[in-house]
Amino acid sequence: MPRNVYDPKDKVAIFKAVRETLRSGKSWEDAFEAAKSLNYAGTKTSLQKMFYARKKPGRKKGQKYSAPRIGVAAAAGDLGDLKAALDRMVKERVRAALDHAVAVLQRSRDEA
């Protein structure tokens, strides 16, 4: 089957219809029907691939689309709490290790 190249206006209209259909909570079947009503000629799977692979502004070709990451500035308030929790955990583990080492040394001294 030859590859179908869509006019940019048609492609935008197809994407808009698919996006609105999916946002309203409907299935891909309904989105596919909406795209077919706008002269989409492919399959449902190719529509999904085309929809997810569309270019987004500021992205390099071939880059994966990942979930947005939390910036350092946004998480800065939580870092103090995280640092305090880590310090507490390290102190507890070091104290436990030292207590264990002291107990072992005292037992070996008492046995000798």
C-alpha atoms as a PDB file:
ATOM      1  CA  MET A   1       0.000   0.000   0.000  1.00  0.00           C
ATOM      2  CA  PRO A   2       1.502   3.364  -0.948  1.00  0.00           C
ATOM      3  CA  ARG A   3       2.270   5.808   1.790  1.00  0.00           C
ATOM      4  CA  ASN A   4      -0.342   8.515   2.180  1.00  0.00           C
ATOM      5  CA  VAL A   5       1.008  12.017   2.764  1.00  0.00           C
ATOM      6  CA  TYR A   6      -1.525  14.352   4.320  1.00  0.00           C
ATOM      7  CA  ASP A   7      -1.792  18.076   3.813  1.00  0.00           C
ATOM      8  CA  PRO A   8      -0.574  19.829   6.996  1.00  0.00           C
ATOM      9  CA  LYS A   9      -4.038  21.360   7.541  1.00  0.00           C
ATOM     10  CA  ASP A  10      -5.684  17.946   7.244  1.00  0.00           C
ATOM     11  CA  LYS A  11      -3.121  16.394   9.555  1.00  0.00           C
ATOM     12  CA  VAL A  12      -3.737  19.084  12.197  1.00  0.00           C
ATOM     13  CA  ALA A  13      -7.469  18.521  11.893  1.00  0.00           C
ATOM     14  CA  ILE A  14      -7.026  14.749  12.290  1.00  0.00           C
ATOM     15  CA  PHE A  15      -4.801  15.177  15.352  1.00  0.00           C
ATOM     16  CA  LYS A  16      -7.213  17.660  16.875  1.00  0.00           C
ATOM     17  CA  ALA A  17     -10.145  15.275  16.387  1.00  0.00           C
ATOM     18  CA  VAL A  18      -8.178  12.352  17.851  1.00  0.00           C
ATOM     19  CA  ARG A  19      -6.965  14.407  20.826  1.00  0.00           C
ATOM     20  CA  GLU A  20     -10.458  15.716  21.616  1.00  0.00           C
ATOM     21  CA  THR A  21     -11.973  12.239  21.316  1.00  0.00           C
ATOM     22  CA  LEU A  22      -9.378  10.689  23.626  1.00  0.00           C
ATOM     23  CA  ARG A  23      -9.590  13.542  26.139  1.00  0.00           C
ATOM     24  CA  SER A  24     -13.343  13.057  26.377  1.00  0.00           C
ATOM     25  CA  GLY A  25     -12.642   9.526  27.643  1.00  0.00           C
ATOM     26  CA  LYS A  26     -13.569   7.646  24.498  1.00  0.00           C
ATOM     27  CA  SER A  27     -11.614   4.730  23.041  1.00  0.00           C
ATOM     28  CA  TRP A  28      -9.177   4.562  20.154  1.00  0.00           C
ATOM     29  CA  GLU A  29     -11.964   3.008  18.079  1.00  0.00           C
ATOM     30  CA  ASP A  30     -13.957   6.225  18.449  1.00  0.00           C
ATOM     31  CA  ALA A  31     -10.871   8.311  17.704  1.00  0.00           C
ATOM     32  CA  PHE A  32     -10.255   6.211  14.592  1.00  0.00           C
ATOM     33  CA  GLU A  33     -13.832   6.798  13.419  1.00  0.00           C
ATOM     34  CA  ALA A  34     -13.387  10.548  13.982  1.00  0.00           C
ATOM     35  CA  ALA A  35     -10.180  10.500  11.942  1.00  0.00           C
ATOM     36  CA  LYS A  36     -11.845   8.504   9.147  1.00  0.00           C
ATOM     37  CA  SER A  37     -14.582  11.134   8.972  1.00  0.00           C
ATOM     38  CA  LEU A  38     -11.790  13.621   8.151  1.00  0.00           C
ATOM     39  CA  ASN A  39     -10.528  11.469   5.232  1.00  0.00           C
ATOM     40  CA  TYR A  40      -7.899   9.507   7.175  1.00  0.00           C
ATOM     41  CA  ALA A  41      -7.025   6.503   4.999  1.00  0.00           C
ATOM     42  CA  GLY A  42      -4.829   4.350   7.284  1.00  0.00           C
ATOM     43  CA  THR A  43      -5.416   1.771   9.978  1.00  0.00           C
ATOM     44  CA  LYS A  44      -6.067   2.325  13.659  1.00  0.00           C
ATOM     45  CA  THR A  45      -2.542   1.140  14.535  1.00  0.00           C
ATOM     46  CA  SER A  46      -0.944   3.490  12.023  1.00  0.00           C
ATOM     47  CA  LEU A  47      -3.074   6.337  13.409  1.00  0.00           C
ATOM     48  CA  GLN A  48      -1.778   5.578  16.913  1.00  0.00           C
ATOM     49  CA  LYS A  49       1.807   5.490  15.653  1.00  0.00           C
ATOM     50  CA  MET A  50       1.339   8.724  13.726  1.00  0.00           C
ATOM     51  CA  PHE A  51      -0.324  10.382  16.729  1.00  0.00           C
ATOM     52  CA  TYR A  52       2.405   9.411  19.194  1.00  0.00           C
ATOM     53  CA  ALA A  53       5.302  10.040  16.794  1.00  0.00           C
ATOM     54  CA  ARG A  54       4.261  13.542  15.765  1.00  0.00           C
ATOM     55  CA  LYS A  55       6.878  16.215  16.124  1.00  0.00           C
ATOM     56  CA  LYS A  56       6.644  18.369  19.179  1.00  0.00           C
ATOM     57  CA  PRO A  57       8.264  21.792  19.282  1.00  0.00           C
ATOM     58  CA  GLY A  58      11.810  21.867  20.599  1.00  0.00           C
ATOM     59  CA  ARG A  59      12.455  18.146  20.247  1.00  0.00           C
ATOM     60  CA  LYS A  60      15.312  16.668  18.265  1.00  0.00           C
ATOM     61  CA  LYS A  61      14.514  13.972  15.748  1.00  0.00           C
ATOM     62  CA  GLY A  62      14.667  10.519  17.274  1.00  0.00           C
ATOM     63  CA  GLN A  63      14.357  11.658  20.884  1.00  0.00           C
ATOM     64  CA  LYS A  64      12.019   9.637  23.081  1.00  0.00           C
ATOM     65  CA  TYR A  65       9.061  11.366  24.671  1.00  0.00           C
ATOM     66  CA  SER A  66       9.360  10.946  28.394  1.00  0.00           C
ATOM     67  CA  ALA A  67       7.397  12.205  31.329  1.00  0.00           C
ATOM     68  CA  PRO A  68       8.293  15.720  32.372  1.00  0.00           C
ATOM     69  CA  ARG A  69      10.919  15.837  35.063  1.00  0.00           C
ATOM     70  CA  ILE A  70      10.636  17.837  38.234  1.00  0.00           C
ATOM     71  CA  GLY A  71      13.075  20.705  38.167  1.00  0.00           C
ATOM     72  CA  VAL A  72      15.564  21.326  40.966  1.00  0.00           C
ATOM     73  CA  ALA A  73      13.861  24.587  41.858  1.00  0.00           C
ATOM     74  CA  ALA A  74      10.484  22.851  42.195  1.00  0.00           C
ATOM     75  CA  ALA A  75      11.878  20.135  44.434  1.00  0.00           C
ATOM     76  CA  ALA A  76      14.115  22.432  46.488  1.00  0.00           C
ATOM     77  CA  GLY A  77      11.600  22.551  49.343  1.00  0.00           C
ATOM     78  CA  ASP A  78      11.648  18.771  49.651  1.00  0.00           C
ATOM     79  CA  LEU A  79      15.452  18.509  49.594  1.00  0.00           C
ATOM     80  CA  GLY A  80      15.828  19.777  53.157  1.00  0.00           C
ATOM     81  CA  ASP A  81      13.453  17.111  54.445  1.00  0.00           C
ATOM     82  CA  LEU A  82      15.174  14.482  52.340  1.00  0.00           C
ATOM     83  CA  LYS A  83      18.611  15.512  53.583  1.00  0.00           C
ATOM     84  CA  ALA A  84      17.451  15.403  57.198  1.00  0.00           C
ATOM     85  CA  ALA A  85      15.935  11.948  56.712  1.00  0.00           C
ATOM     86  CA  LEU A  86      19.121  10.668  55.072  1.00  0.00           C
ATOM     87  CA  ASP A  87      21.279  12.108  57.858  1.00  0.00           C
ATOM     88  CA  ARG A  88      19.077  10.438  60.469  1.00  0.00           C
ATOM     89  CA  MET A  89      19.233   7.082  58.651  1.00  0.00           C
ATOM     90  CA  VAL A  90      23.014   7.257  58.311  1.00  0.00           C
ATOM     91  CA  LYS A  91      23.455   8.119  61.992  1.00  0.00           C
ATOM     92  CA  GLU A  92      21.185   5.243  63.041  1.00  0.00           C
ATOM     93  CA  ARG A  93      23.045   2.731  60.881  1.00  0.00           C
ATOM     94  CA  VAL A  94      26.483   3.952  61.955  1.00  0.00           C
ATOM     95  CA  ARG A  95      25.418   3.841  65.608  1.00  0.00           C
ATOM     96  CA  ALA A  96      24.042   0.314  65.161  1.00  0.00           C
ATOM     97  CA  ALA A  97      27.254  -0.839  63.477  1.00  0.00           C
ATOM     98  CA  LEU A  98      29.403   0.705  66.223  1.00  0.00           C
ATOM     99  CA  ASP A  99      27.239  -0.833  68.966  1.00  0.00           C
ATOM    100  CA  HIS A 100      27.580  -4.223  67.300  1.00  0.00           C
ATOM    101  CA  ALA A 101      31.357  -3.837  66.982  1.00  0.00           C
ATOM    102  CA  VAL A 102      31.679  -2.821  70.654  1.00  0.00           C
ATOM    103  CA  ALA A 103      29.537  -5.788  71.728  1.00  0.00           C
ATOM    104  CA  VAL A 104      31.709  -8.190  69.714  1.00  0.00           C
ATOM    105  CA  LEU A 105      34.901  -6.730  71.217  1.00  0.00           C
ATOM    106  CA  GLN A 106      33.515  -6.948  74.752  1.00  0.00           C
ATOM    107  CA  ARG A 107      32.500 -10.591  74.246  1.00  0.00           C
ATOM    108  CA  SER A 108      35.928 -11.480  72.920  1.00  0.00           C
ATOM    109  CA  ARG A 109      37.544  -9.673  75.888  1.00  0.00           C
ATOM    110  CA  ASP A 110      35.271 -11.489  78.392  1.00  0.00           C
ATOM    111  CA  GLU A 111      36.049 -14.860  76.817  1.00  0.00           C
ATOM    112  CA  ALA A 112      39.782 -14.347  76.921  1.00  0.00           C
END
